[in-house]
Amino acid sequence: MDAQSRGRAEGADPADQWVLNPQTGDYELRLDGGPPPAPPAPSVPRQRTPRAPGPRPGGTRERAPGPLRDEDTAPDGPRDSHRRKRKQPKRSGRRKALMWTGGVMGLVLVGGSAFAYYWWDRLYGNIDTVDIGDVGSDTVLGDGPANILVIGNDVRTGKGNEAYGNRDNVTGHADTTLLFHVAGDRSNATVVSIPRDLMTEIPDCETRQSDGSTKTIPGSDGTTRFNESYGVEGRDPGCTMRTVEQLTGLDVDHFMMFDFNAVKTLSTAVGGVEVCLEEPLKDTSGGTKLDLPEGKSVIQGEEALSFLRNRHGLKNESDLDRIGMQQKFVASMLRRLKEDTLSSPSKMLDVADAATKSLTVDKGIGSPTKLLTLAKELGKIDLKNITLMTLPVVDNPDEPTPVTVVPDPVKAPQVFSMLQDDVSFTEVKKQQKKAKDKQEALLKGARAEASAVRVDVLNGGGPQGAAGETVAWLQNSQGVPLSANQGNAPAKVARTQLVYAPDQADQARKLADLMGLPAAAMKPTADAGGDGPMTLTLGPDFKKAGVPIATPKKVDVPQSRADEKMCKG
């Protein structure tokens, strides 16, 4: 029985099985003429537990028990004829959809109305999932901030895609990758583009094999291009997630992956995307047939993909220039959806079908039910409070003629720090107050005596000799004799972190007072029992002992907002 046939009763059209409930005003499915299906039973939420810095052995993430959202409890089962019956989603009586797309970005889901059930199973059959083991979250969106990684797969399979490079690569690599940070109160979001030619360390990665076994793929020997975090040596999207976690110090909850075909089908499904150019843009390399005039154009299909892949004719003909064009495309697509697609049921269904056919996700969001939950949360964010930027980078100093880049040693840690503290890049007063309240709440409580503070200090990216100098400062001028220099950390961290057990909270607060640590640096674990010392890992935001580490309120990097029109007037 195929995806479109599931839900039929004796050959009846699915739309004929929906009956208006006069009490609620909603349409409800009745397969056997009986009463409408009962609403799903409430379930217990779950929350995530902060992790210690550095790589996790085998990619394991500890979690603390906590509440699960109702949407997360729908049984999804394998996509075949033996699939367990899934609970029907709650219906609001309104047609809803949400899509995020750019060169490799999209999400469209539809819920409510008599139409929806017919398409629900069809969309489910479109979605591909990857088991990435313990990395990520099995909760769609818990309370607090969330991070979603949107990976652009540069695989060249598909009609016409051979023009963009090697078609023999059937796996692809991580091309344009977007880190989508959603604020805890859903008032704002930040989209950070990670260049594919960024030099970074790739950690060891535990992957699931087709036979159910696990295989640990060794990380990089030193730094390598970011795009090798997927598709090289059998690395899966979970490896890209771990790479971003190590780079940024953020926990990545989910991934979505799209290929070149997604750009063509999605841009066509919405009726084209408006772009504006200050001067004509033509691909003189012959790789594509891109030829756009100065001013406004509406592009879709092959032309849209050529636009997003093109570097020729741009200022420096670089990947960074291309990322800037892609961000403008993303903003234009979002406005198109809000202003046009949401009001057209036929367009919604076309976009939903196109998006899910090109979509690969982790199991935590691997069903229409879960994706709809995610869409509803993202839909709360006003476009004016969505910031788009590129990770601050500089030319790679280790190359005589740089073709790769490295994180800006000053601005990149500032961006990571703001994301870790959930500080908005837009003027959202509610969010700013919440960040201040978080700092005060975490550091509120009893303090241990300095002589009782036990801490191991490691250097995970701070100045050379920072661990030894900090221990000397703690022992000689701050009265912390139980501090010890443990040298370099096993891996670099994105920012300074203090890891401690729950019953060491008084020690942690005291050390935070002495060193000027912000709330984002405090990393309590789920493990009770602080018999050993706490672990303080100094990151690139650490200047010297005695100088407080403050989360910046803003950072001087190029930014744009999703509500900014590419075409003026």
Protein backbone atom coordinates (compact mmCIF):
# COMPACT_ATOMS: atom_id res chain seq x y z
CA MET A 1 0.00 0.00 0.00
CA ASP A 2 1.59 3.30 -1.10
CA ALA A 3 1.80 6.55 0.86
CA GLN A 4 -1.21 8.08 -0.84
CA SER A 5 -3.43 5.05 -0.22
CA ARG A 6 -2.98 4.85 3.56
CA GLY A 7 -6.04 6.17 5.37
CA ARG A 8 -8.57 5.17 2.72
CA ALA A 9 -11.62 3.16 3.77
CA GLU A 10 -12.77 0.71 1.09
CA GLY A 11 -11.48 2.86 -1.74
CA ALA A 12 -13.10 6.08 -0.50
CA ASP A 13 -11.44 9.38 -1.30
CA PRO A 14 -9.73 10.70 1.87
CA ALA A 15 -11.43 14.06 1.52
CA ASP A 16 -14.85 12.34 1.73
CA GLN A 17 -13.94 10.86 5.11
CA TRP A 18 -13.60 14.25 6.78
CA VAL A 19 -16.71 15.40 8.69
CA LEU A 20 -17.41 18.83 10.14
CA ASN A 21 -17.68 18.74 13.94
CA PRO A 22 -20.37 21.34 14.81
CA GLN A 23 -19.00 21.70 18.34
CA THR A 24 -15.51 22.76 17.30
CA GLY A 25 -16.03 23.99 13.75
CA ASP A 26 -13.11 21.77 12.60
CA TYR A 27 -13.06 18.93 10.10
CA GLU A 28 -12.24 15.55 11.68
CA LEU A 29 -11.38 12.18 10.17
CA ARG A 30 -13.90 9.32 10.56
CA LEU A 31 -12.75 6.15 8.87
CA ASP A 32 -15.61 3.97 10.14
CA GLY A 33 -18.41 6.43 10.76
CA GLY A 34 -17.61 6.44 14.48
CA PRO A 35 -16.76 9.39 16.68
CA PRO A 36 -13.83 11.66 15.86
CA PRO A 37 -10.41 10.46 17.04
CA ALA A 38 -9.59 11.34 20.63
CA PRO A 39 -6.87 13.93 21.20
CA PRO A 40 -3.41 12.59 22.05
CA ALA A 41 -2.74 11.99 25.73
CA PRO A 42 -0.34 14.42 27.39
CA SER A 43 3.18 13.24 27.95
CA VAL A 44 6.14 14.07 30.11
CA PRO A 45 8.59 16.76 28.64
CA ARG A 46 12.32 16.37 28.51
CA GLN A 47 15.04 18.92 28.73
CA ARG A 48 18.65 18.86 27.71
CA THR A 49 21.58 18.98 30.05
CA PRO A 50 24.60 21.20 29.33
CA ARG A 51 27.65 19.23 28.32
CA ALA A 52 31.29 19.45 29.25
CA PRO A 53 33.70 21.09 26.78
CA GLY A 54 35.70 19.08 24.32
CA PRO A 55 34.77 16.06 22.23
CA ARG A 56 32.31 13.51 23.61
CA PRO A 57 33.51 9.90 23.67
CA GLY A 58 31.62 8.22 20.88
CA GLY A 59 29.40 11.27 20.49
CA THR A 60 27.42 10.54 23.68
CA ARG A 61 25.38 13.37 25.16
CA GLU A 62 24.03 13.11 28.70
CA ARG A 63 20.44 14.17 29.17
CA ALA A 64 18.38 14.96 32.21
CA PRO A 65 14.76 13.81 32.45
CA GLY A 66 12.19 16.53 31.88
CA PRO A 67 8.97 17.41 30.00
CA LEU A 68 8.32 16.37 26.41
CA ARG A 69 5.98 18.28 24.16
CA ASP A 70 2.77 16.56 23.11
CA GLU A 71 3.81 16.84 19.48
CA ASP A 72 6.87 14.71 20.14
CA THR A 73 4.91 11.70 21.29
CA ALA A 74 3.27 10.78 17.99
CA PRO A 75 4.43 7.28 17.02
CA ASP A 76 6.07 7.53 13.64
CA GLY A 77 7.36 4.03 12.95
CA PRO A 78 9.09 2.86 9.78
CA ARG A 79 7.79 4.10 6.46
CA ASP A 80 6.29 0.89 5.08
CA SER A 81 3.07 -1.09 5.09
CA HIS A 82 3.68 -2.20 8.69
CA ARG A 83 3.86 1.31 10.09
CA ARG A 84 2.03 1.85 13.35
CA LYS A 85 -1.04 4.02 13.22
CA ARG A 86 -0.06 7.62 14.01
CA LYS A 87 -2.06 10.04 16.08
CA GLN A 88 -3.74 12.77 14.09
CA PRO A 89 -2.35 16.29 14.63
CA LYS A 90 -4.40 18.96 16.30
CA ARG A 91 -6.20 21.08 13.72
CA SER A 92 -6.68 24.80 14.09
CA GLY A 93 -9.22 25.22 11.26
CA ARG A 94 -6.71 27.38 9.38
CA ARG A 95 -4.32 26.44 6.63
CA LYS A 96 -0.77 27.01 7.81
CA ALA A 97 2.63 26.62 6.17
CA LEU A 98 6.17 27.72 6.79
CA MET A 99 9.21 27.49 4.58
CA TRP A 100 12.83 28.45 5.02
CA THR A 101 14.86 28.23 1.89
CA GLY A 102 17.92 29.61 0.18
CA GLY A 103 20.52 27.88 -1.93
CA VAL A 104 19.98 24.81 0.22
CA MET A 105 17.33 25.76 2.74
CA GLY A 106 13.63 24.96 2.94
CA LEU A 107 10.88 23.75 5.19
CA VAL A 108 7.21 23.66 4.27
CA LEU A 109 4.47 22.00 6.23
CA VAL A 110 0.74 22.13 5.95
CA GLY A 111 -1.85 21.45 8.65
CA GLY A 112 -5.60 21.85 9.10
CA SER A 113 -8.50 21.79 6.58
CA ALA A 114 -10.06 18.82 4.80
CA PHE A 115 -7.17 18.84 2.33
CA ALA A 116 -4.50 18.11 4.89
CA TYR A 117 -5.04 14.45 5.61
CA TYR A 118 -4.72 13.43 1.97
CA TRP A 119 -1.32 15.13 1.81
CA TRP A 120 -0.17 14.16 5.30
CA ASP A 121 0.87 10.61 4.42
CA ARG A 122 2.24 11.72 1.08
CA LEU A 123 4.56 14.20 2.78
CA TYR A 124 5.58 11.55 5.30
CA GLY A 125 6.61 9.25 2.47
CA ASN A 126 8.76 12.01 0.97
CA ILE A 127 10.92 12.60 4.05
CA ASP A 128 14.25 10.78 4.39
CA THR A 129 15.77 10.34 7.86
CA VAL A 130 19.27 9.52 9.10
CA ASP A 131 20.03 7.87 12.43
CA ILE A 132 22.81 10.04 13.87
CA GLY A 133 22.95 8.26 17.23
CA ASP A 134 23.22 10.29 20.40
CA VAL A 135 24.20 13.63 18.88
CA GLY A 136 21.37 16.15 18.68
CA SER A 137 18.04 16.04 20.49
CA ASP A 138 15.05 13.71 20.36
CA THR A 139 12.79 16.63 21.36
CA VAL A 140 11.49 18.81 18.52
CA LEU A 141 12.00 22.07 20.40
CA GLY A 142 12.36 22.07 24.14
CA ASP A 143 12.13 25.09 26.38
CA GLY A 144 14.91 27.59 25.82
CA PRO A 145 17.11 28.32 22.79
CA ALA A 146 17.42 25.85 19.91
CA ASN A 147 19.98 25.40 17.14
CA ILE A 148 19.18 23.82 13.78
CA LEU A 149 21.86 23.11 11.20
CA VAL A 150 20.80 23.44 7.57
CA ILE A 151 23.33 21.61 5.39
CA GLY A 152 23.65 22.19 1.69
CA ASN A 153 24.75 18.96 0.02
CA ASP A 154 26.73 19.70 -3.16
CA VAL A 155 26.04 16.27 -4.70
CA ARG A 156 25.70 16.72 -8.49
CA THR A 157 23.24 13.92 -9.22
CA GLY A 158 20.08 15.03 -11.01
CA LYS A 159 19.23 16.42 -14.42
CA GLY A 160 21.34 19.42 -15.39
CA ASN A 161 23.50 19.39 -12.24
CA GLU A 162 26.61 18.11 -14.01
CA ALA A 163 27.28 21.73 -15.04
CA TYR A 164 28.17 22.55 -11.44
CA GLY A 165 31.08 20.12 -11.03
CA ASN A 166 31.92 16.46 -10.53
CA ARG A 167 28.79 14.37 -11.03
CA ASP A 168 30.58 11.16 -10.00
CA ASN A 169 30.47 12.20 -6.33
CA VAL A 170 27.27 10.42 -5.31
CA THR A 171 27.52 11.41 -1.63
CA GLY A 172 28.43 15.07 -1.76
CA HIS A 173 29.99 17.35 0.83
CA ALA A 174 28.81 20.08 3.21
CA ASP A 175 28.56 23.08 0.92
CA THR A 176 26.68 26.17 2.10
CA THR A 177 25.78 25.47 5.73
CA LEU A 178 23.53 27.64 7.87
CA LEU A 179 23.38 27.61 11.65
CA PHE A 180 19.86 28.67 12.61
CA HIS A 181 19.72 29.88 16.23
CA VAL A 182 16.20 30.31 17.63
CA ALA A 183 15.88 32.43 20.78
CA GLY A 184 14.44 30.78 23.84
CA ASP A 185 11.42 33.09 23.90
CA ARG A 186 11.02 32.85 20.07
CA SER A 187 11.24 36.63 19.78
CA ASN A 188 14.20 36.56 17.39
CA ALA A 189 16.51 34.31 15.41
CA THR A 190 20.00 34.47 13.95
CA VAL A 191 21.13 32.70 10.78
CA VAL A 192 24.92 32.31 10.52
CA SER A 193 26.42 31.12 7.23
CA ILE A 194 29.49 28.90 7.68
CA PRO A 195 31.86 29.04 4.67
CA ARG A 196 32.68 25.68 3.13
CA ASP A 197 36.37 26.71 2.87
CA LEU A 198 36.65 27.49 6.58
CA MET A 199 39.63 25.70 8.11
CA THR A 200 38.58 23.93 11.30
CA GLU A 201 39.12 20.75 13.28
CA ILE A 202 36.74 17.85 12.65
CA PRO A 203 36.28 15.65 15.76
CA ASP A 204 36.00 11.88 15.90
CA CYS A 205 32.52 10.86 14.86
CA GLU A 206 30.46 7.80 15.75
CA THR A 207 28.21 6.82 12.84
CA ARG A 208 25.44 4.24 12.44
CA GLN A 209 25.94 1.66 9.72
CA SER A 210 23.23 0.06 7.58
CA ASP A 211 23.43 -3.19 9.58
CA GLY A 212 22.74 -1.33 12.85
CA SER A 213 26.34 -1.38 14.07
CA THR A 214 28.36 1.73 14.91
CA LYS A 215 31.65 2.88 13.46
CA THR A 216 33.85 5.66 14.78
CA ILE A 217 35.38 7.71 11.99
CA PRO A 218 38.62 9.44 13.02
CA GLY A 219 38.63 13.21 13.03
CA SER A 220 40.95 15.40 11.03
CA ASP A 221 44.68 15.51 11.68
CA GLY A 222 44.84 19.21 12.47
CA THR A 223 42.60 21.63 10.60
CA THR A 224 40.90 20.94 7.28
CA ARG A 225 38.12 22.43 5.16
CA PHE A 226 34.71 22.51 6.82
CA ASN A 227 33.06 20.88 3.81
CA GLU A 228 34.91 17.64 4.64
CA SER A 229 32.78 17.26 7.77
CA TYR A 230 30.22 15.46 5.59
CA GLY A 231 30.74 12.83 2.90
CA VAL A 232 34.47 12.20 3.48
CA GLU A 233 35.52 8.82 4.92
CA GLY A 234 31.86 7.99 5.50
CA ARG A 235 31.04 11.01 7.67
CA ASP A 236 27.28 11.57 8.07
CA PRO A 237 25.36 14.77 8.97
CA GLY A 238 25.95 13.98 12.65
CA CYS A 239 29.65 14.56 12.01
CA THR A 240 28.87 18.02 10.65
CA MET A 241 26.77 18.72 13.74
CA ARG A 242 29.66 17.69 16.02
CA THR A 243 32.05 19.89 14.02
CA VAL A 244 29.79 22.92 14.47
CA GLU A 245 29.36 22.18 18.17
CA GLN A 246 33.13 22.10 18.66
CA LEU A 247 33.56 25.26 16.58
CA THR A 248 30.85 27.34 18.26
CA GLY A 249 30.39 25.88 21.74
CA LEU A 250 26.66 25.50 21.02
CA ASP A 251 24.59 22.33 21.25
CA VAL A 252 23.04 21.57 17.86
CA ASP A 253 19.57 20.04 18.18
CA HIS A 254 18.69 18.99 14.63
CA PHE A 255 19.85 19.03 11.05
CA MET A 256 18.10 19.46 7.70
CA MET A 257 19.91 18.65 4.47
CA PHE A 258 19.01 19.66 0.92
CA ASP A 259 20.65 19.11 -2.46
CA PHE A 260 20.79 21.15 -5.67
CA ASN A 261 17.44 19.81 -6.87
CA ALA A 262 15.72 21.40 -3.86
CA VAL A 263 16.60 24.89 -5.05
CA LYS A 264 15.11 24.28 -8.48
CA THR A 265 11.88 22.65 -7.31
CA LEU A 266 11.24 25.00 -4.38
CA SER A 267 11.85 28.23 -6.28
CA THR A 268 9.51 26.99 -9.00
CA ALA A 269 6.82 25.91 -6.52
CA VAL A 270 6.55 29.42 -5.03
CA GLY A 271 6.32 31.01 -8.47
CA GLY A 272 9.82 32.44 -8.54
CA VAL A 273 11.94 34.61 -6.24
CA GLU A 274 12.55 38.31 -6.81
CA VAL A 275 16.18 39.47 -6.91
CA CYS A 276 17.71 42.85 -7.74
CA LEU A 277 21.15 43.56 -9.13
CA GLU A 278 23.14 46.80 -9.19
CA GLU A 279 24.75 45.68 -12.45
CA PRO A 280 24.25 42.82 -14.93
CA LEU A 281 25.38 39.38 -13.78
CA LYS A 282 26.64 36.86 -16.32
CA ASP A 283 28.54 33.61 -15.89
CA THR A 284 31.43 34.04 -18.29
CA SER A 285 32.97 30.69 -17.32
CA GLY A 286 30.47 28.74 -19.41
CA GLY A 287 29.57 26.52 -16.48
CA THR A 288 25.99 27.79 -16.48
CA LYS A 289 23.83 29.96 -18.72
CA LEU A 290 23.20 32.60 -16.06
CA ASP A 291 22.61 35.99 -17.67
CA LEU A 292 20.64 38.49 -15.55
CA PRO A 293 20.15 42.19 -16.33
CA GLU A 294 20.61 45.12 -14.00
CA GLY A 295 17.62 45.73 -11.78
CA LYS A 296 14.76 43.38 -10.88
CA SER A 297 14.38 39.78 -12.05
CA VAL A 298 12.16 36.91 -10.93
CA ILE A 299 14.11 33.64 -11.05
CA GLN A 300 13.19 30.01 -10.56
CA GLY A 301 14.30 26.49 -11.44
CA GLU A 302 17.67 26.15 -13.16
CA GLU A 303 18.17 29.92 -13.22
CA ALA A 304 17.70 30.13 -9.43
CA LEU A 305 20.30 27.41 -8.84
CA SER A 306 22.73 29.11 -11.22
CA PHE A 307 22.24 32.37 -9.32
CA LEU A 308 23.00 30.75 -5.97
CA ARG A 309 26.01 28.78 -7.25
CA ASN A 310 27.55 31.60 -9.28
CA ARG A 311 30.72 33.42 -8.24
CA HIS A 312 31.68 34.94 -11.60
CA GLY A 313 31.00 38.65 -11.93
CA LEU A 314 30.91 39.21 -8.16
CA LYS A 315 33.31 41.63 -6.46
CA ASN A 316 36.06 39.14 -5.56
CA GLU A 317 34.51 36.08 -7.25
CA SER A 318 34.80 34.37 -3.87
CA ASP A 319 32.69 31.97 -1.85
CA LEU A 320 32.11 34.77 0.68
CA ASP A 321 30.62 37.00 -2.04
CA ARG A 322 28.36 34.15 -3.08
CA ILE A 323 27.18 33.65 0.51
CA GLY A 324 26.08 37.29 0.60
CA MET A 325 23.93 36.73 -2.51
CA GLN A 326 22.46 33.58 -0.98
CA GLN A 327 21.43 35.45 2.16
CA LYS A 328 19.55 38.02 0.07
CA PHE A 329 17.82 35.17 -1.74
CA VAL A 330 16.77 33.66 1.60
CA ALA A 331 15.21 36.94 2.75
CA SER A 332 13.41 37.40 -0.56
CA MET A 333 12.03 33.86 -0.40
CA LEU A 334 10.73 34.38 3.13
CA ARG A 335 8.84 37.51 2.10
CA ARG A 336 7.40 35.73 -0.93
CA LEU A 337 6.03 33.00 1.28
CA LYS A 338 4.51 35.39 3.80
CA GLU A 339 2.96 37.69 1.21
CA ASP A 340 1.83 35.20 -1.42
CA THR A 341 2.09 31.48 -0.72
CA LEU A 342 0.29 31.31 2.62
CA SER A 343 -2.91 32.58 1.05
CA SER A 344 -2.98 29.94 -1.70
CA PRO A 345 -3.77 26.32 -0.73
CA SER A 346 -2.62 25.02 -4.12
CA LYS A 347 0.74 26.78 -3.83
CA MET A 348 1.15 25.55 -0.25
CA LEU A 349 0.72 21.95 -1.32
CA ASP A 350 3.10 22.33 -4.27
CA VAL A 351 5.76 23.87 -2.00
CA ALA A 352 5.23 21.24 0.70
CA ASP A 353 5.60 18.41 -1.78
CA ALA A 354 8.71 19.94 -3.37
CA ALA A 355 10.38 20.68 -0.02
CA THR A 356 9.87 17.28 1.57
CA LYS A 357 11.00 15.41 -1.57
CA SER A 358 14.38 17.11 -1.22
CA LEU A 359 14.59 16.87 2.56
CA THR A 360 16.76 14.68 4.79
CA VAL A 361 16.51 15.14 8.56
CA ASP A 362 17.43 13.46 11.83
CA LYS A 363 14.93 11.16 13.51
CA GLY A 364 14.13 13.79 16.12
CA ILE A 365 12.13 15.73 13.50
CA GLY A 366 11.58 12.93 10.99
CA SER A 367 7.80 13.15 10.52
CA PRO A 368 5.21 15.70 9.37
CA THR A 369 3.88 15.87 12.93
CA LYS A 370 7.25 16.87 14.32
CA LEU A 371 8.10 19.18 11.45
CA LEU A 372 4.77 20.94 11.87
CA THR A 373 5.59 21.52 15.55
CA LEU A 374 8.90 23.05 14.49
CA ALA A 375 7.18 25.16 11.82
CA LYS A 376 4.69 26.58 14.33
CA GLU A 377 7.51 27.68 16.63
CA LEU A 378 9.51 29.28 13.84
CA GLY A 379 6.38 31.01 12.59
CA LYS A 380 6.22 33.06 15.79
CA ILE A 381 9.29 35.08 14.79
CA ASP A 382 8.79 38.44 13.09
CA LEU A 383 10.92 38.84 9.94
CA LYS A 384 12.37 42.12 11.24
CA ASN A 385 13.91 40.17 14.14
CA ILE A 386 15.66 37.57 11.96
CA THR A 387 19.33 38.45 11.47
CA LEU A 388 21.43 36.96 8.66
CA MET A 389 25.22 37.09 8.75
CA THR A 390 28.35 35.22 7.72
CA LEU A 391 30.67 33.81 10.36
CA PRO A 392 33.43 36.44 10.77
CA VAL A 393 36.59 35.12 9.09
CA VAL A 394 40.04 36.24 7.94
CA ASP A 395 42.36 34.85 5.27
CA ASN A 396 44.23 31.73 6.32
CA PRO A 397 47.66 32.99 7.50
CA ASP A 398 49.23 29.57 6.81
CA GLU A 399 48.74 29.91 3.04
CA PRO A 400 51.07 32.10 0.92
CA THR A 401 48.15 32.82 -1.42
CA PRO A 402 45.08 32.27 0.76
CA VAL A 403 42.20 30.32 -0.74
CA THR A 404 40.77 29.24 2.61
CA VAL A 405 39.73 31.21 5.68
CA VAL A 406 39.89 30.86 9.47
CA PRO A 407 37.60 32.29 12.17
CA ASP A 408 38.29 35.92 12.99
CA PRO A 409 40.16 35.62 16.33
CA VAL A 410 38.28 38.59 17.84
CA LYS A 411 34.86 38.78 16.18
CA ALA A 412 34.06 35.07 15.84
CA PRO A 413 34.26 34.41 19.62
CA GLN A 414 32.05 37.48 20.16
CA VAL A 415 29.38 36.06 17.84
CA PHE A 416 29.59 32.65 19.52
CA SER A 417 29.36 34.30 22.94
CA MET A 418 26.19 36.17 22.01
CA LEU A 419 24.59 33.02 20.63
CA GLN A 420 25.55 30.99 23.70
CA ASP A 421 24.06 33.65 25.97
CA ASP A 422 21.00 33.86 23.70
CA VAL A 423 21.60 37.60 23.19
CA SER A 424 19.62 39.03 20.30
CA PHE A 425 21.34 40.74 17.35
CA THR A 426 18.19 42.85 17.00
CA GLU A 427 16.72 45.35 19.43
CA VAL A 428 14.40 43.08 21.36
CA LYS A 429 14.02 44.54 24.86
CA LYS A 430 12.26 41.49 26.24
CA GLN A 431 15.18 39.30 25.16
CA GLN A 432 17.77 41.64 26.67
CA LYS A 433 15.97 41.63 30.01
CA LYS A 434 15.75 37.83 29.94
CA ALA A 435 19.52 37.53 29.41
CA LYS A 436 20.13 39.79 32.40
CA ASP A 437 17.69 37.79 34.54
CA LYS A 438 19.42 34.56 33.54
CA GLN A 439 22.79 35.90 34.66
CA GLU A 440 21.42 37.03 38.00
CA ALA A 441 19.51 33.78 38.63
CA LEU A 442 22.43 31.47 37.81
CA LEU A 443 24.88 33.34 39.97
CA LYS A 444 22.43 33.81 42.84
CA GLY A 445 23.10 31.64 45.87
CA ALA A 446 25.67 30.77 48.50
CA ARG A 447 29.42 31.09 47.89
CA ALA A 448 32.09 28.73 49.15
CA GLU A 449 35.23 30.05 50.79
CA ALA A 450 38.05 30.62 48.30
CA SER A 451 40.19 28.09 50.17
CA ALA A 452 37.55 25.39 49.50
CA VAL A 453 37.40 25.92 45.72
CA ARG A 454 38.93 22.95 43.85
CA VAL A 455 39.52 23.50 40.15
CA ASP A 456 41.66 22.11 37.34
CA VAL A 457 42.59 24.78 34.77
CA LEU A 458 43.19 23.92 31.09
CA ASN A 459 44.02 26.05 28.08
CA GLY A 460 41.52 25.43 25.28
CA GLY A 461 42.32 28.38 23.02
CA GLY A 462 43.41 31.18 25.33
CA PRO A 463 46.78 32.98 25.15
CA GLN A 464 49.88 30.84 25.39
CA GLY A 465 50.65 29.96 29.00
CA ALA A 466 47.21 31.15 30.15
CA ALA A 467 46.49 28.08 32.30
CA GLY A 468 49.73 28.37 34.31
CA GLU A 469 49.40 32.14 34.77
CA THR A 470 45.78 31.77 35.91
CA VAL A 471 46.66 29.11 38.50
CA ALA A 472 49.49 31.27 39.83
CA TRP A 473 47.08 34.23 40.10
CA LEU A 474 44.43 32.14 41.87
CA GLN A 475 46.89 30.68 44.37
CA ASN A 476 48.97 33.77 45.11
CA SER A 477 46.44 36.59 45.10
CA GLN A 478 42.96 35.04 45.38
CA GLY A 479 43.49 32.43 48.09
CA VAL A 480 42.60 29.38 45.96
CA PRO A 481 45.34 26.85 46.87
CA LEU A 482 43.40 23.87 45.46
CA SER A 483 43.79 25.03 41.85
CA ALA A 484 46.00 23.06 39.45
CA ASN A 485 47.44 23.62 35.97
CA GLN A 486 46.50 20.74 33.65
CA GLY A 487 48.10 22.21 30.50
CA ASN A 488 46.36 22.15 27.13
CA ALA A 489 42.80 20.86 26.80
CA PRO A 490 42.16 17.77 24.60
CA ALA A 491 40.43 20.06 22.10
CA LYS A 492 39.90 23.77 21.65
CA VAL A 493 36.68 25.32 22.91
CA ALA A 494 34.74 28.20 21.43
CA ARG A 495 34.75 30.09 24.72
CA THR A 496 35.73 29.74 28.37
CA GLN A 497 33.73 27.10 30.25
CA LEU A 498 33.50 26.05 33.91
CA VAL A 499 32.12 22.51 34.30
CA TYR A 500 30.93 21.50 37.77
CA ALA A 501 28.64 19.04 39.55
CA PRO A 502 25.38 20.26 41.15
CA ASP A 503 26.80 20.05 44.67
CA GLN A 504 29.75 22.23 43.59
CA ALA A 505 27.52 25.17 42.71
CA ASP A 506 28.76 27.24 45.66
CA GLN A 507 32.36 26.72 44.53
CA ALA A 508 31.42 27.61 40.95
CA ARG A 509 29.77 30.86 42.00
CA LYS A 510 32.82 31.84 44.03
CA LEU A 511 35.17 31.16 41.14
CA ALA A 512 32.85 33.06 38.79
CA ASP A 513 33.02 36.04 41.15
CA LEU A 514 36.81 35.92 41.29
CA MET A 515 37.33 35.57 37.53
CA GLY A 516 34.36 37.53 36.21
CA LEU A 517 32.74 34.59 34.39
CA PRO A 518 29.38 35.21 32.64
CA ALA A 519 26.37 32.90 32.99
CA ALA A 520 27.09 31.30 29.61
CA ALA A 521 30.43 30.03 30.93
CA MET A 522 28.74 28.07 33.73
CA LYS A 523 28.17 24.45 32.70
CA PRO A 524 26.53 22.35 35.45
CA THR A 525 26.47 18.62 34.73
CA ALA A 526 23.75 16.10 35.53
CA ASP A 527 26.15 14.01 37.62
CA ALA A 528 25.81 14.45 41.37
CA GLY A 529 28.86 14.08 43.55
CA GLY A 530 31.65 16.61 43.25
CA ASP A 531 34.44 14.57 44.80
CA GLY A 532 36.90 15.70 42.14
CA PRO A 533 37.81 19.25 41.16
CA MET A 534 35.78 21.42 38.79
CA THR A 535 37.18 21.93 35.27
CA LEU A 536 37.88 25.44 33.97
CA THR A 537 38.81 25.49 30.27
CA LEU A 538 40.06 28.85 29.02
CA GLY A 539 38.87 29.80 25.54
CA PRO A 540 39.72 32.54 23.02
CA ASP A 541 37.52 35.03 24.94
CA PHE A 542 39.93 34.84 27.89
CA LYS A 543 42.41 37.73 27.94
CA LYS A 544 44.30 37.37 31.22
CA ALA A 545 43.69 36.48 34.86
CA GLY A 546 41.75 39.20 36.64
CA VAL A 547 40.12 40.56 33.46
CA PRO A 548 36.37 39.74 33.49
CA ILE A 549 34.87 37.86 30.56
CA ALA A 550 31.83 39.80 29.41
CA THR A 551 29.26 38.82 26.81
CA PRO A 552 29.16 41.57 24.17
CA LYS A 553 25.85 43.32 23.55
CA LYS A 554 26.66 43.71 19.87
CA VAL A 555 29.42 42.85 17.43
CA ASP A 556 30.67 44.83 14.46
CA VAL A 557 30.01 42.42 11.58
CA PRO A 558 27.95 42.86 8.38
CA GLN A 559 24.33 41.89 9.04
CA SER A 560 21.00 42.01 7.26
CA ARG A 561 17.39 41.50 8.34
CA ALA A 562 14.88 39.19 6.72
CA ASP A 563 12.39 42.03 6.23
CA GLU A 564 14.83 44.10 4.16
CA LYS A 565 13.77 44.16 0.52
CA MET A 566 16.34 43.28 -2.08
CA CYS A 567 14.46 45.43 -4.58
CA LYS A 568 13.77 48.98 -3.42
CA GLY A 569 10.46 50.60 -4.24
